[in-house]
Amino acid sequence: MNPLIECCEQNLSKGDFVLSENKFLQENSDLITYSCMNECVLCAQSFYALFEGERVTGKTPEELIEKLTAEIYRWQEEML
């Protein structure tokens, strides 16, 4: 069982697409994209995803990936 990461295609299209290409995230999470997540103000201001329903943001796609990676490790430790 993997944690769920939800993304907005609109956010992905502005550079967050590297999230869906990240091998670690692909192997250690279930990544779902939606055409729109109705978070337009947030989407315009930063890169974001929902990790197990909780909002995670980053100033850059790389920062978002770092934060999501840390969340996955935290989630995995809790599940042991």
PDB file of N, CA and C in Angstrom:
ATOM      1  N   MET A   1       0.846  -1.178   0.000  1.00  0.00           N
ATOM      2  CA  MET A   1       0.000   0.000   0.000  1.00  0.00           C
ATOM      3  C   MET A   1       0.891   1.241   0.000  1.00  0.00           C
ATOM      4  N   ASN A   2       0.566   2.179  -0.869  1.00  0.00           N
ATOM      5  CA  ASN A   2       1.319   3.423  -0.985  1.00  0.00           C
ATOM      6  C   ASN A   2       0.456   4.612  -0.596  1.00  0.00           C
ATOM      7  N   PRO A   3       1.080   5.712  -0.163  1.00  0.00           N
ATOM      8  CA  PRO A   3       0.311   6.910   0.135  1.00  0.00           C
ATOM      9  C   PRO A   3      -0.197   7.544  -1.157  1.00  0.00           C
ATOM     10  N   LEU A   4      -1.268   8.300  -1.041  1.00  0.00           N
ATOM     11  CA  LEU A   4      -1.907   8.939  -2.183  1.00  0.00           C
ATOM     12  C   LEU A   4      -1.413  10.378  -2.334  1.00  0.00           C
ATOM     13  N   ILE A   5      -0.960  10.716  -3.545  1.00  0.00           N
ATOM     14  CA  ILE A   5      -0.605  12.084  -3.891  1.00  0.00           C
ATOM     15  C   ILE A   5      -1.531  12.510  -5.018  1.00  0.00           C
ATOM     16  N   GLU A   6      -2.238  13.626  -4.805  1.00  0.00           N
ATOM     17  CA  GLU A   6      -3.164  14.147  -5.803  1.00  0.00           C
ATOM     18  C   GLU A   6      -2.632  15.465  -6.349  1.00  0.00           C
ATOM     19  N   CYS A   7      -2.692  15.598  -7.689  1.00  0.00           N
ATOM     20  CA  CYS A   7      -2.155  16.784  -8.361  1.00  0.00           C
ATOM     21  C   CYS A   7      -3.176  17.355  -9.337  1.00  0.00           C
ATOM     22  N   CYS A   8      -3.019  18.638  -9.588  1.00  0.00           N
ATOM     23  CA  CYS A   8      -3.840  19.336 -10.571  1.00  0.00           C
ATOM     24  C   CYS A   8      -3.065  19.419 -11.884  1.00  0.00           C
ATOM     25  N   GLU A   9      -3.678  19.033 -12.989  1.00  0.00           N
ATOM     26  CA  GLU A   9      -3.006  19.098 -14.288  1.00  0.00           C
ATOM     27  C   GLU A   9      -2.575  20.519 -14.632  1.00  0.00           C
ATOM     28  N   GLN A  10      -3.359  21.504 -14.229  1.00  0.00           N
ATOM     29  CA  GLN A  10      -3.013  22.900 -14.504  1.00  0.00           C
ATOM     30  C   GLN A  10      -1.720  23.275 -13.790  1.00  0.00           C
ATOM     31  N   ASN A  11      -1.561  22.812 -12.564  1.00  0.00           N
ATOM     32  CA  ASN A  11      -0.346  23.072 -11.800  1.00  0.00           C
ATOM     33  C   ASN A  11       0.823  22.306 -12.406  1.00  0.00           C
ATOM     34  N   LEU A  12       0.566  21.087 -12.832  1.00  0.00           N
ATOM     35  CA  LEU A  12       1.610  20.284 -13.467  1.00  0.00           C
ATOM     36  C   LEU A  12       2.105  20.952 -14.748  1.00  0.00           C
ATOM     37  N   SER A  13       1.199  21.568 -15.476  1.00  0.00           N
ATOM     38  CA  SER A  13       1.565  22.150 -16.768  1.00  0.00           C
ATOM     39  C   SER A  13       2.479  23.361 -16.638  1.00  0.00           C
ATOM     40  N   LYS A  14       2.515  23.995 -15.461  1.00  0.00           N
ATOM     41  CA  LYS A  14       3.387  25.161 -15.307  1.00  0.00           C
ATOM     42  C   LYS A  14       4.766  24.790 -14.762  1.00  0.00           C
ATOM     43  N   GLY A  15       5.107  23.521 -14.804  1.00  0.00           N
ATOM     44  CA  GLY A  15       6.445  23.099 -14.425  1.00  0.00           C
ATOM     45  C   GLY A  15       6.471  21.989 -13.400  1.00  0.00           C
ATOM     46  N   ASP A  16       5.335  21.708 -12.809  1.00  0.00           N
ATOM     47  CA  ASP A  16       5.246  20.686 -11.785  1.00  0.00           C
ATOM     48  C   ASP A  16       5.230  19.285 -12.399  1.00  0.00           C
ATOM     49  N   PHE A  17       5.275  19.214 -13.746  1.00  0.00           N
ATOM     50  CA  PHE A  17       5.237  17.925 -14.422  1.00  0.00           C
ATOM     51  C   PHE A  17       6.389  17.024 -13.998  1.00  0.00           C
ATOM     52  N   VAL A  18       7.493  17.619 -13.513  1.00  0.00           N
ATOM     53  CA  VAL A  18       8.627  16.798 -13.064  1.00  0.00           C
ATOM     54  C   VAL A  18       8.214  15.890 -11.913  1.00  0.00           C
ATOM     55  N   LEU A  19       7.160  16.277 -11.221  1.00  0.00           N
ATOM     56  CA  LEU A  19       6.623  15.458 -10.139  1.00  0.00           C
ATOM     57  C   LEU A  19       6.205  14.095 -10.676  1.00  0.00           C
ATOM     58  N   SER A  20       5.508  14.091 -11.796  1.00  0.00           N
ATOM     59  CA  SER A  20       5.027  12.830 -12.363  1.00  0.00           C
ATOM     60  C   SER A  20       6.149  12.031 -13.013  1.00  0.00           C
ATOM     61  N   GLU A  21       7.309  12.639 -13.224  1.00  0.00           N
ATOM     62  CA  GLU A  21       8.446  11.939 -13.817  1.00  0.00           C
ATOM     63  C   GLU A  21       9.461  11.462 -12.776  1.00  0.00           C
ATOM     64  N   ASN A  22       9.235  11.816 -11.512  1.00  0.00           N
ATOM     65  CA  ASN A  22      10.173  11.461 -10.458  1.00  0.00           C
ATOM     66  C   ASN A  22      10.043   9.976 -10.117  1.00  0.00           C
ATOM     67  N   LYS A  23      11.137   9.244 -10.288  1.00  0.00           N
ATOM     68  CA  LYS A  23      11.123   7.786 -10.101  1.00  0.00           C
ATOM     69  C   LYS A  23      10.759   7.388  -8.666  1.00  0.00           C
ATOM     70  N   PHE A  24      11.301   8.107  -7.671  1.00  0.00           N
ATOM     71  CA  PHE A  24      11.004   7.772  -6.278  1.00  0.00           C
ATOM     72  C   PHE A  24       9.506   7.932  -5.997  1.00  0.00           C
ATOM     73  N   LEU A  25       8.920   9.027  -6.460  1.00  0.00           N
ATOM     74  CA  LEU A  25       7.489   9.247  -6.230  1.00  0.00           C
ATOM     75  C   LEU A  25       6.659   8.205  -6.971  1.00  0.00           C
ATOM     76  N   GLN A  26       7.071   7.856  -8.173  1.00  0.00           N
ATOM     77  CA  GLN A  26       6.348   6.841  -8.943  1.00  0.00           C
ATOM     78  C   GLN A  26       6.330   5.497  -8.220  1.00  0.00           C
ATOM     79  N   GLU A  27       7.455   5.140  -7.626  1.00  0.00           N
ATOM     80  CA  GLU A  27       7.563   3.823  -6.998  1.00  0.00           C
ATOM     81  C   GLU A  27       6.987   3.769  -5.585  1.00  0.00           C
ATOM     82  N   ASN A  28       6.898   4.911  -4.913  1.00  0.00           N
ATOM     83  CA  ASN A  28       6.519   4.909  -3.497  1.00  0.00           C
ATOM     84  C   ASN A  28       5.219   5.629  -3.191  1.00  0.00           C
ATOM     85  N   SER A  29       4.459   5.967  -4.217  1.00  0.00           N
ATOM     86  CA  SER A  29       3.164   6.608  -3.978  1.00  0.00           C
ATOM     87  C   SER A  29       2.209   6.271  -5.112  1.00  0.00           C
ATOM     88  N   ASP A  30       0.943   6.516  -4.862  1.00  0.00           N
ATOM     89  CA  ASP A  30      -0.070   6.423  -5.915  1.00  0.00           C
ATOM     90  C   ASP A  30      -0.354   7.854  -6.333  1.00  0.00           C
ATOM     91  N   LEU A  31       0.084   8.231  -7.522  1.00  0.00           N
ATOM     92  CA  LEU A  31      -0.018   9.592  -8.025  1.00  0.00           C
ATOM     93  C   LEU A  31      -1.222   9.712  -8.941  1.00  0.00           C
ATOM     94  N   ILE A  32      -2.152  10.572  -8.564  1.00  0.00           N
ATOM     95  CA  ILE A  32      -3.367  10.787  -9.347  1.00  0.00           C
ATOM     96  C   ILE A  32      -3.409  12.245  -9.769  1.00  0.00           C
ATOM     97  N   THR A  33      -3.743  12.488 -11.041  1.00  0.00           N
ATOM     98  CA  THR A  33      -3.900  13.862 -11.509  1.00  0.00           C
ATOM     99  C   THR A  33      -5.353  14.103 -11.886  1.00  0.00           C
ATOM    100  N   TYR A  34      -5.785  15.305 -11.602  1.00  0.00           N
ATOM    101  CA  TYR A  34      -7.132  15.748 -11.945  1.00  0.00           C
ATOM    102  C   TYR A  34      -7.017  16.936 -12.890  1.00  0.00           C
ATOM    103  N   SER A  35      -8.009  17.132 -13.740  1.00  0.00           N
ATOM    104  CA  SER A  35      -7.955  18.259 -14.665  1.00  0.00           C
ATOM    105  C   SER A  35      -7.990  19.581 -13.906  1.00  0.00           C
ATOM    106  N   CYS A  36      -8.696  19.617 -12.792  1.00  0.00           N
ATOM    107  CA  CYS A  36      -8.731  20.816 -11.933  1.00  0.00           C
ATOM    108  C   CYS A  36      -9.135  20.382 -10.533  1.00  0.00           C
ATOM    109  N   MET A  37      -8.486  20.978  -9.538  1.00  0.00           N
ATOM    110  CA  MET A  37      -8.802  20.646  -8.150  1.00  0.00           C
ATOM    111  C   MET A  37      -9.475  21.817  -7.432  1.00  0.00           C
ATOM    112  N   ASN A  38      -9.895  22.836  -8.195  1.00  0.00           N
ATOM    113  CA  ASN A  38     -10.588  24.001  -7.652  1.00  0.00           C
ATOM    114  C   ASN A  38      -9.794  24.727  -6.574  1.00  0.00           C
ATOM    115  N   GLU A  39      -8.502  24.798  -6.771  1.00  0.00           N
ATOM    116  CA  GLU A  39      -7.592  25.536  -5.886  1.00  0.00           C
ATOM    117  C   GLU A  39      -6.865  26.586  -6.726  1.00  0.00           C
ATOM    118  N   CYS A  40      -7.616  27.349  -7.526  1.00  0.00           N
ATOM    119  CA  CYS A  40      -7.042  28.227  -8.548  1.00  0.00           C
ATOM    120  C   CYS A  40      -6.091  29.283  -7.981  1.00  0.00           C
ATOM    121  N   VAL A  41      -6.422  29.880  -6.845  1.00  0.00           N
ATOM    122  CA  VAL A  41      -5.545  30.888  -6.252  1.00  0.00           C
ATOM    123  C   VAL A  41      -4.235  30.244  -5.829  1.00  0.00           C
ATOM    124  N   LEU A  42      -4.314  29.128  -5.151  1.00  0.00           N
ATOM    125  CA  LEU A  42      -3.117  28.392  -4.732  1.00  0.00           C
ATOM    126  C   LEU A  42      -2.316  27.937  -5.950  1.00  0.00           C
ATOM    127  N   CYS A  43      -3.000  27.450  -6.947  1.00  0.00           N
ATOM    128  CA  CYS A  43      -2.358  26.962  -8.162  1.00  0.00           C
ATOM    129  C   CYS A  43      -1.569  28.080  -8.856  1.00  0.00           C
ATOM    130  N   ALA A  44      -2.116  29.278  -8.863  1.00  0.00           N
ATOM    131  CA  ALA A  44      -1.455  30.416  -9.497  1.00  0.00           C
ATOM    132  C   ALA A  44      -0.249  30.898  -8.698  1.00  0.00           C
ATOM    133  N   GLN A  45      -0.258  30.659  -7.382  1.00  0.00           N
ATOM    134  CA  GLN A  45       0.785  31.200  -6.503  1.00  0.00           C
ATOM    135  C   GLN A  45       1.959  30.269  -6.273  1.00  0.00           C
ATOM    136  N   SER A  46       1.735  28.963  -6.317  1.00  0.00           N
ATOM    137  CA  SER A  46       2.814  28.039  -5.964  1.00  0.00           C
ATOM    138  C   SER A  46       2.588  26.684  -6.617  1.00  0.00           C
ATOM    139  N   PHE A  47       3.529  25.806  -6.385  1.00  0.00           N
ATOM    140  CA  PHE A  47       3.384  24.420  -6.798  1.00  0.00           C
ATOM    141  C   PHE A  47       2.824  23.669  -5.605  1.00  0.00           C
ATOM    142  N   TYR A  48       1.858  22.809  -5.849  1.00  0.00           N
ATOM    143  CA  TYR A  48       1.235  22.114  -4.719  1.00  0.00           C
ATOM    144  C   TYR A  48       0.738  20.737  -5.126  1.00  0.00           C
ATOM    145  N   ALA A  49       0.504  19.934  -4.119  1.00  0.00           N
ATOM    146  CA  ALA A  49      -0.116  18.622  -4.267  1.00  0.00           C
ATOM    147  C   ALA A  49      -0.778  18.302  -2.938  1.00  0.00           C
ATOM    148  N   LEU A  50      -1.682  17.362  -2.959  1.00  0.00           N
ATOM    149  CA  LEU A  50      -2.269  16.860  -1.719  1.00  0.00           C
ATOM    150  C   LEU A  50      -1.613  15.527  -1.412  1.00  0.00           C
ATOM    151  N   PHE A  51      -1.076  15.416  -0.212  1.00  0.00           N
ATOM    152  CA  PHE A  51      -0.476  14.169   0.242  1.00  0.00           C
ATOM    153  C   PHE A  51      -1.384  13.603   1.315  1.00  0.00           C
ATOM    154  N   GLU A  52      -2.038  12.494   1.004  1.00  0.00           N
ATOM    155  CA  GLU A  52      -2.990  11.883   1.935  1.00  0.00           C
ATOM    156  C   GLU A  52      -4.000  12.936   2.426  1.00  0.00           C
ATOM    157  N   GLY A  53      -4.428  13.813   1.501  1.00  0.00           N
ATOM    158  CA  GLY A  53      -5.438  14.815   1.815  1.00  0.00           C
ATOM    159  C   GLY A  53      -4.912  16.112   2.399  1.00  0.00           C
ATOM    160  N   GLU A  54      -3.616  16.162   2.725  1.00  0.00           N
ATOM    161  CA  GLU A  54      -3.013  17.362   3.318  1.00  0.00           C
ATOM    162  C   GLU A  54      -2.245  18.130   2.250  1.00  0.00           C
ATOM    163  N   ARG A  55      -2.430  19.425   2.208  1.00  0.00           N
ATOM    164  CA  ARG A  55      -1.779  20.270   1.219  1.00  0.00           C
ATOM    165  C   ARG A  55      -0.287  20.399   1.494  1.00  0.00           C
ATOM    166  N   VAL A  56       0.514  20.202   0.443  1.00  0.00           N
ATOM    167  CA  VAL A  56       1.966  20.377   0.494  1.00  0.00           C
ATOM    168  C   VAL A  56       2.316  21.349  -0.630  1.00  0.00           C
ATOM    169  N   THR A  57       3.071  22.399  -0.313  1.00  0.00           N
ATOM    170  CA  THR A  57       3.417  23.403  -1.319  1.00  0.00           C
ATOM    171  C   THR A  57       4.926  23.585  -1.409  1.00  0.00           C
ATOM    172  N   GLY A  58       5.348  24.138  -2.533  1.00  0.00           N
ATOM    173  CA  GLY A  58       6.752  24.459  -2.732  1.00  0.00           C
ATOM    174  C   GLY A  58       6.882  25.661  -3.647  1.00  0.00           C
ATOM    175  N   LYS A  59       7.955  26.403  -3.471  1.00  0.00           N
ATOM    176  CA  LYS A  59       8.195  27.563  -4.334  1.00  0.00           C
ATOM    177  C   LYS A  59       8.645  27.124  -5.726  1.00  0.00           C
ATOM    178  N   THR A  60       9.252  25.941  -5.793  1.00  0.00           N
ATOM    179  CA  THR A  60       9.701  25.366  -7.063  1.00  0.00           C
ATOM    180  C   THR A  60       9.229  23.910  -7.113  1.00  0.00           C
ATOM    181  N   PRO A  61       9.193  23.333  -8.306  1.00  0.00           N
ATOM    182  CA  PRO A  61       8.839  21.912  -8.382  1.00  0.00           C
ATOM    183  C   PRO A  61       9.806  21.038  -7.588  1.00  0.00           C
ATOM    184  N   GLU A  62      11.086  21.405  -7.597  1.00  0.00           N
ATOM    185  CA  GLU A  62      12.087  20.627  -6.863  1.00  0.00           C
ATOM    186  C   GLU A  62      11.838  20.670  -5.355  1.00  0.00           C
ATOM    187  N   GLU A  63      11.451  21.847  -4.850  1.00  0.00           N
ATOM    188  CA  GLU A  63      11.144  21.969  -3.422  1.00  0.00           C
ATOM    189  C   GLU A  63       9.920  21.129  -3.066  1.00  0.00           C
ATOM    190  N   LEU A  64       8.934  21.134  -3.935  1.00  0.00           N
ATOM    191  CA  LEU A  64       7.739  20.316  -3.698  1.00  0.00           C
ATOM    192  C   LEU A  64       8.113  18.838  -3.662  1.00  0.00           C
ATOM    193  N   ILE A  65       8.961  18.403  -4.575  1.00  0.00           N
ATOM    194  CA  ILE A  65       9.391  17.003  -4.595  1.00  0.00           C
ATOM    195  C   ILE A  65      10.132  16.652  -3.311  1.00  0.00           C
ATOM    196  N   GLU A  66      10.994  17.546  -2.837  1.00  0.00           N
ATOM    197  CA  GLU A  66      11.709  17.311  -1.574  1.00  0.00           C
ATOM    198  C   GLU A  66      10.726  17.140  -0.418  1.00  0.00           C
ATOM    199  N   LYS A  67       9.729  18.008  -0.359  1.00  0.00           N
ATOM    200  CA  LYS A  67       8.748  17.934   0.734  1.00  0.00           C
ATOM    201  C   LYS A  67       7.910  16.669   0.636  1.00  0.00           C
ATOM    202  N   LEU A  68       7.512  16.297  -0.576  1.00  0.00           N
ATOM    203  CA  LEU A  68       6.722  15.076  -0.747  1.00  0.00           C
ATOM    204  C   LEU A  68       7.546  13.839  -0.418  1.00  0.00           C
ATOM    205  N   THR A  69       8.824  13.856  -0.771  1.00  0.00           N
ATOM    206  CA  THR A  69       9.714  12.747  -0.433  1.00  0.00           C
ATOM    207  C   THR A  69       9.811  12.588   1.084  1.00  0.00           C
ATOM    208  N   ALA A  70       9.965  13.714   1.786  1.00  0.00           N
ATOM    209  CA  ALA A  70      10.025  13.675   3.252  1.00  0.00           C
ATOM    210  C   ALA A  70       8.711  13.147   3.824  1.00  0.00           C
ATOM    211  N   GLU A  71       7.588  13.548   3.235  1.00  0.00           N
ATOM    212  CA  GLU A  71       6.284  13.057   3.702  1.00  0.00           C
ATOM    213  C   GLU A  71       6.160  11.552   3.491  1.00  0.00           C
ATOM    214  N   ILE A  72       6.660  11.064   2.368  1.00  0.00           N
ATOM    215  CA  ILE A  72       6.601   9.618   2.104  1.00  0.00           C
ATOM    216  C   ILE A  72       7.421   8.860   3.143  1.00  0.00           C
ATOM    217  N   TYR A  73       8.634   9.339   3.424  1.00  0.00           N
ATOM    218  CA  TYR A  73       9.461   8.675   4.443  1.00  0.00           C
ATOM    219  C   TYR A  73       8.765   8.694   5.806  1.00  0.00           C
ATOM    220  N   ARG A  74       8.171   9.819   6.161  1.00  0.00           N
ATOM    221  CA  ARG A  74       7.447   9.918   7.431  1.00  0.00           C
ATOM    222  C   ARG A  74       6.283   8.943   7.456  1.00  0.00           C
ATOM    223  N   TRP A  75       5.535   8.876   6.353  1.00  0.00           N
ATOM    224  CA  TRP A  75       4.389   7.985   6.243  1.00  0.00           C
ATOM    225  C   TRP A  75       4.848   6.532   6.372  1.00  0.00           C
ATOM    226  N   GLN A  76       5.949   6.193   5.688  1.00  0.00           N
ATOM    227  CA  GLN A  76       6.451   4.820   5.748  1.00  0.00           C
ATOM    228  C   GLN A  76       6.867   4.434   7.169  1.00  0.00           C
ATOM    229  N   GLU A  77       7.486   5.350   7.898  1.00  0.00           N
ATOM    230  CA  GLU A  77       7.888   5.072   9.280  1.00  0.00           C
ATOM    231  C   GLU A  77       6.676   4.824  10.158  1.00  0.00           C
ATOM    232  N   GLU A  78       5.622   5.604   9.944  1.00  0.00           N
ATOM    233  CA  GLU A  78       4.389   5.424  10.745  1.00  0.00           C
ATOM    234  C   GLU A  78       3.708   4.103  10.439  1.00  0.00           C
ATOM    235  N   MET A  79       3.862   3.617   9.219  1.00  0.00           N
ATOM    236  CA  MET A  79       3.177   2.396   8.827  1.00  0.00           C
ATOM    237  C   MET A  79       3.912   1.131   9.282  1.00  0.00           C
ATOM    238  N   LEU A  80       5.140   1.257   9.741  1.00  0.00           N
ATOM    239  CA  LEU A  80       5.899   0.078  10.180  1.00  0.00           C
ATOM    240  C   LEU A  80       5.386  -0.456  11.488  1.00  0.00           C
TER     241      LEU A  80
END
